[in-house]
Amino acid sequence: MLRDRGEKDFYKKNAEDYNIQIKSLQARNDELLQRVDTLRRLNQDKEISYQQKIEEAINDNRRILEEKVAHIEKDIMEQAEQKIKKYKAKMNSIKTENDTLKYEL
C-alpha cells in the first residue's frame, strides 16, 4: 500500500508539474499570439503607408507629365501660329505682287 501511495504521490506530483508546464506554455502561446497580431497590424499599417506613398508618387508623376504635355502643346500652338502668320504675310506679299503684275499688264 505504501508503494501504491508513493506511486500515486509521484504521479500526482508529475501531473501537477505537467499542468504547471501546460499553463506556462498556454500563457507563452497567448503572448506570442498577441505579438503576431501586433506585428500583423503594424505590417498592414506599413503596407497602407507604402500604398499611399506610391499613389502620391503616381499622382505627382501624372501631374508633372500633364504639365509637360500642356507646355509642349502650347509651344506647338505658338510655333504653328507663327508659321501661319509668316505664310499669311508671304501670301499677302505674293498677292500684292500678283496685283502689281496684273496692273502692269
Protein backbone atom coordinates (compact mmCIF):
# COMPACT_ATOMS: atom_id res chain seq x y z
CA MET A 1 0.00 0.00 0.00
CA LEU A 2 2.86 2.32 0.76
CA ARG A 3 4.26 1.68 -2.62
CA ASP A 4 0.91 2.46 -4.21
CA ARG A 5 0.68 5.64 -2.20
CA GLY A 6 4.22 6.61 -3.22
CA GLU A 7 3.38 5.94 -6.86
CA LYS A 8 0.19 7.94 -6.54
CA ASP A 9 2.11 10.82 -5.00
CA PHE A 10 4.73 10.53 -7.75
CA TYR A 11 2.11 10.57 -10.49
CA LYS A 12 0.18 13.34 -8.76
CA LYS A 13 3.34 15.43 -8.49
CA ASN A 14 4.13 14.74 -12.19
CA ALA A 15 0.59 15.67 -13.18
CA GLU A 16 0.85 18.92 -11.22
CA ASP A 17 4.21 19.67 -12.86
CA TYR A 18 2.77 18.95 -16.28
CA ASN A 19 -0.26 21.15 -15.56
CA ILE A 20 2.08 23.97 -14.50
CA GLN A 21 4.10 23.48 -17.70
CA ILE A 22 0.92 23.41 -19.80
CA LYS A 23 -0.35 26.62 -18.18
CA SER A 24 3.04 28.25 -18.71
CA LEU A 25 3.07 27.17 -22.37
CA GLN A 26 -0.50 28.38 -22.84
CA ALA A 27 0.44 31.77 -21.39
CA ARG A 28 3.51 31.92 -23.64
CA ASN A 29 1.34 30.92 -26.63
CA ASP A 30 -1.16 33.69 -25.80
CA GLU A 31 1.70 36.18 -25.54
CA LEU A 32 3.10 35.07 -28.90
CA LEU A 33 -0.35 35.28 -30.49
CA GLN A 34 -0.65 38.85 -29.24
CA ARG A 35 2.77 39.66 -30.72
CA VAL A 36 1.76 38.12 -34.04
CA ASP A 37 -1.43 40.17 -34.05
CA THR A 38 0.51 43.35 -33.24
CA LEU A 39 3.04 42.61 -35.97
CA ARG A 40 0.22 41.88 -38.44
CA ARG A 41 -1.37 45.25 -37.66
CA LEU A 42 1.97 47.05 -37.97
CA ASN A 43 2.59 45.33 -41.29
CA GLN A 44 -0.85 46.35 -42.55
CA ASP A 45 -0.21 49.94 -41.45
CA LYS A 46 3.14 49.98 -43.24
CA GLU A 47 1.57 48.46 -46.35
CA ILE A 48 -1.13 51.14 -46.34
CA SER A 49 1.53 53.80 -45.85
CA TYR A 50 3.58 52.42 -48.76
CA GLN A 51 0.49 52.25 -50.96
CA GLN A 52 -0.31 55.87 -50.13
CA LYS A 53 3.25 56.91 -50.96
CA ILE A 54 3.10 55.02 -54.25
CA GLU A 55 -0.23 56.65 -55.11
CA GLU A 56 1.19 60.08 -54.24
CA ALA A 57 4.23 59.43 -56.43
CA ILE A 58 2.00 58.28 -59.29
CA ASN A 59 -0.18 61.37 -58.92
CA ASP A 60 2.89 63.63 -58.80
CA ASN A 61 4.30 61.99 -61.92
CA ARG A 62 0.93 62.26 -63.67
CA ARG A 63 0.73 65.96 -62.76
CA ILE A 64 4.28 66.57 -64.00
CA LEU A 65 3.55 64.75 -67.25
CA GLU A 66 0.31 66.66 -67.75
CA GLU A 67 2.16 69.95 -67.18
CA LYS A 68 4.86 68.94 -69.68
CA VAL A 69 2.27 67.88 -72.25
CA ALA A 70 0.40 71.17 -71.77
CA HIS A 71 3.67 73.10 -72.18
CA ILE A 72 4.56 71.14 -75.33
CA GLU A 73 1.06 71.72 -76.75
CA LYS A 74 1.39 75.45 -76.01
CA ASP A 75 4.81 75.57 -77.73
CA ILE A 76 3.46 73.71 -80.76
CA MET A 77 0.46 76.06 -80.98
CA GLU A 78 2.72 79.12 -80.74
CA GLN A 79 5.01 77.75 -83.43
CA ALA A 80 2.02 76.92 -85.64
CA GLU A 81 0.60 80.43 -85.15
CA GLN A 82 3.96 81.96 -86.07
CA LYS A 83 4.15 79.83 -89.21
CA ILE A 84 0.58 80.76 -90.13
CA LYS A 85 1.40 84.46 -89.69
CA LYS A 86 4.54 84.01 -91.78
CA TYR A 87 2.64 82.22 -94.56
CA LYS A 88 -0.18 84.78 -94.47
CA ALA A 89 2.38 87.56 -94.80
CA LYS A 90 4.02 85.70 -97.67
CA MET A 91 0.62 85.13 -99.31
CA ASN A 92 -0.21 88.83 -98.93
CA SER A 93 3.16 89.69 -100.44
CA ILE A 94 2.56 87.32 -103.35
CA LYS A 95 -0.98 88.66 -103.77
CA THR A 96 0.33 92.23 -103.79
CA GLU A 97 3.00 91.26 -106.30
CA ASN A 98 0.39 89.49 -108.40
CA ASP A 99 -1.91 92.53 -108.27
CA THR A 100 1.01 94.73 -109.28
CA LEU A 101 1.80 92.46 -112.18
CA LYS A 102 -1.85 92.47 -113.26
CA TYR A 103 -1.93 96.22 -113.10
CA GLU A 104 1.25 96.46 -115.17
CA LEU A 105 -0.21 94.21 -117.82
